[in-house]
């Protein structure tokens, strides 16, 4: 995932959604989310990265961001049930077929003890990349019991204050009206018996 202003906007939201001290980053790529999570929570967490690309894992192993790294192809997740507090799956599900994406979601819900967080480009823009195989809408996630928020891409053209205000307004509206969003953030709570801050 390319680091952009939209990534930084998503960080603020996703970091507030992470629960517990055992976190798995599925499809960790080059470890952008691992860096962000480790910076926020310091060494108070156990963080595992899983990716299909050995070159990615080799590169991020050097930086020691993750406590453990696993080479595996999603939707296969080689962990026992309820072995992580939070499962994070950012910008991955669109790279799988719809059937494999559903398998990934179900397996993530089995492995997570408290929360699953999934991000994906909205179905409006997902096919702008040849690597994207499936499109996911807010409706798809809501049918699976997820809460969904949206983010819009930010633009660097702030020279005209009216234009800036319009962009700001669309960013705000896109958070709640997911059909206008560029990125979807879906999350599902799995164990409501635990306190929010645990």
Protein backbone atom coordinates (compact mmCIF):
# COMPACT_ATOMS: atom_id res chain seq x y z
CA UNK A 1 0.00 0.00 0.00
CA UNK A 2 1.37 3.40 -0.95
CA UNK A 3 1.63 5.81 1.97
CA UNK A 4 -0.57 8.82 1.31
CA UNK A 5 -2.57 11.40 3.21
CA UNK A 6 -5.49 8.99 3.03
CA UNK A 7 -3.32 6.40 4.82
CA UNK A 8 -2.69 8.90 7.62
CA UNK A 9 -6.42 9.67 7.84
CA UNK A 10 -7.14 5.94 8.07
CA UNK A 11 -4.50 5.54 10.81
CA UNK A 12 -6.39 7.82 13.14
CA UNK A 13 -9.54 5.75 12.74
CA UNK A 14 -7.98 2.28 12.75
CA UNK A 15 -5.80 2.89 15.80
CA UNK A 16 -8.93 3.73 17.79
CA UNK A 17 -10.51 0.45 16.63
CA UNK A 18 -7.65 -1.87 17.67
CA UNK A 19 -8.44 -3.86 20.82
CA UNK A 20 -6.25 -5.91 23.14
CA UNK A 21 -2.56 -6.76 23.08
CA UNK A 22 -2.36 -9.63 20.56
CA UNK A 23 -2.77 -8.39 16.99
CA UNK A 24 -2.39 -10.15 13.64
CA UNK A 25 -1.82 -8.10 10.47
CA UNK A 26 -3.03 -10.27 7.58
CA UNK A 27 -1.46 -9.36 4.25
CA UNK A 28 1.06 -7.15 6.03
CA UNK A 29 2.98 -6.29 2.84
CA UNK A 30 5.91 -4.05 3.73
CA UNK A 31 4.64 -3.51 7.26
CA UNK A 32 3.12 -0.02 7.12
CA UNK A 33 0.36 -0.94 9.56
CA UNK A 34 2.82 -2.77 11.79
CA UNK A 35 4.95 0.37 12.10
CA UNK A 36 1.93 2.48 12.96
CA UNK A 37 0.62 0.03 15.53
CA UNK A 38 4.02 -0.43 17.19
CA UNK A 39 4.49 3.36 17.39
CA UNK A 40 1.10 3.78 19.03
CA UNK A 41 1.28 0.87 21.49
CA UNK A 42 5.08 0.66 21.93
CA UNK A 43 6.12 -2.79 23.11
CA UNK A 44 2.94 -3.48 25.06
CA UNK A 45 1.59 -5.65 22.25
CA UNK A 46 2.38 -8.90 20.48
CA UNK A 47 2.18 -8.27 16.73
CA UNK A 48 2.25 -10.94 14.02
CA UNK A 49 2.52 -10.19 10.32
CA UNK A 50 1.33 -12.64 7.67
CA UNK A 51 2.04 -12.24 3.96
CA UNK A 52 2.31 -14.32 0.78
CA UNK A 53 5.46 -12.56 -0.46
CA UNK A 54 8.73 -13.85 1.07
CA UNK A 55 10.59 -10.73 -0.12
CA UNK A 56 8.22 -8.53 1.90
CA UNK A 57 8.71 -10.67 5.00
CA UNK A 58 12.49 -10.67 4.58
CA UNK A 59 12.53 -6.89 4.27
CA UNK A 60 10.35 -6.19 7.31
CA UNK A 61 12.12 -8.82 9.41
CA UNK A 62 15.21 -6.64 9.18
CA UNK A 63 13.35 -3.75 10.87
CA UNK A 64 11.99 -5.93 13.71
CA UNK A 65 8.54 -4.37 13.68
CA UNK A 66 6.64 -7.63 14.06
CA UNK A 67 7.23 -10.10 16.85
CA UNK A 68 6.62 -12.97 14.43
CA UNK A 69 6.25 -13.25 10.66
CA UNK A 70 4.32 -15.98 8.86
CA UNK A 71 4.53 -16.91 5.18
CA UNK A 72 1.04 -17.95 4.05
CA UNK A 73 -1.46 -17.35 1.27
CA UNK A 74 -4.82 -15.96 2.29
CA UNK A 75 -7.56 -17.02 2.87
CA UNK A 76 -5.55 -19.65 4.77
CA UNK A 77 -4.81 -18.35 8.28
CA UNK A 78 -2.62 -20.78 10.26
CA UNK A 79 -3.80 -19.78 13.75
CA UNK A 80 -6.05 -21.41 16.32
CA UNK A 81 -9.50 -20.07 17.17
CA UNK A 82 -9.54 -16.94 19.34
CA UNK A 83 -5.74 -16.67 19.33
CA UNK A 84 -5.64 -12.88 18.66
CA UNK A 85 -7.54 -9.97 20.16
CA UNK A 86 -7.65 -8.03 16.88
CA UNK A 87 -7.30 -9.21 13.30
CA UNK A 88 -6.31 -6.42 10.92
CA UNK A 89 -6.73 -6.96 7.19
CA UNK A 90 -6.01 -3.73 5.30
CA UNK A 91 -6.24 -3.42 1.53
CA UNK A 92 -6.12 -7.18 1.02
CA UNK A 93 -9.61 -8.59 0.48
CA UNK A 94 -9.97 -7.00 -2.98
CA UNK A 95 -6.98 -9.08 -4.15
CA UNK A 96 -8.99 -12.29 -3.57
CA UNK A 97 -11.99 -13.70 -5.39
CA UNK A 98 -15.31 -12.98 -3.71
CA UNK A 99 -15.53 -16.60 -2.48
CA UNK A 100 -12.01 -16.53 -1.04
CA UNK A 101 -12.71 -13.11 0.44
CA UNK A 102 -15.72 -14.54 2.27
CA UNK A 103 -13.58 -17.45 3.49
CA UNK A 104 -11.01 -14.94 4.75
CA UNK A 105 -13.67 -12.98 6.64
CA UNK A 106 -15.10 -16.12 8.28
CA UNK A 107 -11.65 -17.44 9.23
CA UNK A 108 -10.61 -14.02 10.60
CA UNK A 109 -13.74 -14.02 12.76
CA UNK A 110 -12.79 -17.47 14.07
CA UNK A 111 -9.21 -16.46 14.88
CA UNK A 112 -10.10 -13.09 16.45
CA UNK A 113 -11.23 -12.95 20.03
CA UNK A 114 -12.47 -9.36 20.11
CA UNK A 115 -12.50 -7.51 16.78
CA UNK A 116 -11.89 -7.87 13.05
CA UNK A 117 -10.94 -4.75 11.06
CA UNK A 118 -10.98 -4.81 7.24
CA UNK A 119 -10.22 -1.98 4.83
CA UNK A 120 -10.70 -1.96 1.07
CA UNK A 121 -11.12 0.54 -1.73
CA UNK A 122 -14.79 1.16 -2.35
CA UNK A 123 -16.49 -0.82 -5.09
CA UNK A 124 -16.60 2.40 -7.17
CA UNK A 125 -12.83 2.51 -7.64
CA UNK A 126 -11.56 -1.00 -6.94
CA UNK A 127 -11.06 -1.98 -10.57
CA UNK A 128 -8.73 0.96 -11.22
CA UNK A 129 -5.91 -1.51 -10.45
CA UNK A 130 -5.39 -4.74 -12.43
CA UNK A 131 -4.37 -6.49 -9.18
CA UNK A 132 -7.86 -6.05 -7.74
CA UNK A 133 -10.03 -9.09 -8.36
CA UNK A 134 -13.20 -8.40 -6.38
CA UNK A 135 -15.17 -5.36 -5.30
CA UNK A 136 -16.65 -4.96 -1.83
CA UNK A 137 -19.37 -2.53 -0.88
CA UNK A 138 -20.57 -1.27 2.48
CA UNK A 139 -23.68 -3.39 1.92
CA UNK A 140 -21.52 -6.54 1.57
CA UNK A 141 -19.91 -5.92 4.95
CA UNK A 142 -23.16 -4.90 6.65
CA UNK A 143 -24.76 -8.19 5.54
CA UNK A 144 -21.93 -9.94 7.40
CA UNK A 145 -22.65 -7.94 10.57
CA UNK A 146 -19.92 -5.30 10.19
CA UNK A 147 -20.11 -1.61 10.98
CA UNK A 148 -18.75 0.44 8.07
CA UNK A 149 -17.19 3.89 7.77
CA UNK A 150 -15.86 5.59 4.68
CA UNK A 151 -12.93 7.84 3.79
CA UNK A 152 -12.52 9.93 0.67
CA UNK A 153 -9.22 10.56 -1.04
CA UNK A 154 -7.73 13.90 -0.11
CA UNK A 155 -6.48 16.29 -2.72
CA UNK A 156 -3.50 18.62 -2.56
CA UNK A 157 -5.19 21.57 -4.29
CA UNK A 158 -5.90 23.82 -1.31
CA UNK A 159 -5.12 27.06 -3.12
CA UNK A 160 -8.76 28.07 -3.49
CA UNK A 161 -10.43 28.24 -0.09
CA UNK A 162 -13.88 27.46 -1.54
CA UNK A 163 -12.48 24.37 -3.23
CA UNK A 164 -10.81 23.34 0.03
CA UNK A 165 -14.11 23.71 1.90
CA UNK A 166 -15.93 21.57 -0.68
CA UNK A 167 -13.25 18.84 -0.45
CA UNK A 168 -13.38 18.98 3.35
CA UNK A 169 -17.17 18.67 3.28
CA UNK A 170 -17.06 15.64 0.95
CA UNK A 171 -14.45 14.00 3.20
CA UNK A 172 -16.71 14.51 6.20
CA UNK A 173 -19.85 13.30 4.41
CA UNK A 174 -17.96 10.30 2.94
CA UNK A 175 -17.26 9.05 6.45
CA UNK A 176 -20.98 8.53 7.06
CA UNK A 177 -22.39 8.07 3.57
CA UNK A 178 -20.23 5.18 2.45
CA UNK A 179 -21.44 5.31 -1.17
CA UNK A 180 -19.34 8.51 -1.50
CA UNK A 181 -16.26 6.99 0.12
CA UNK A 182 -13.03 6.03 -1.61
CA UNK A 183 -11.96 3.65 1.15
CA UNK A 184 -14.18 1.49 3.36
CA UNK A 185 -13.26 0.62 6.93
CA UNK A 186 -15.34 -2.29 8.22
CA UNK A 187 -15.13 -3.68 11.73
CA UNK A 188 -16.97 -6.27 13.77
CA UNK A 189 -16.99 -6.85 17.51
CA UNK A 190 -16.94 -10.52 18.42
CA UNK A 191 -16.97 -10.66 22.23
CA UNK A 192 -19.06 -8.00 23.92
CA UNK A 193 -18.45 -9.43 27.40
CA UNK A 194 -15.05 -7.71 27.52
CA UNK A 195 -14.69 -4.05 28.48
CA UNK A 196 -13.76 -1.52 25.79
CA UNK A 197 -10.38 -0.69 27.33
CA UNK A 198 -9.22 -4.22 28.08
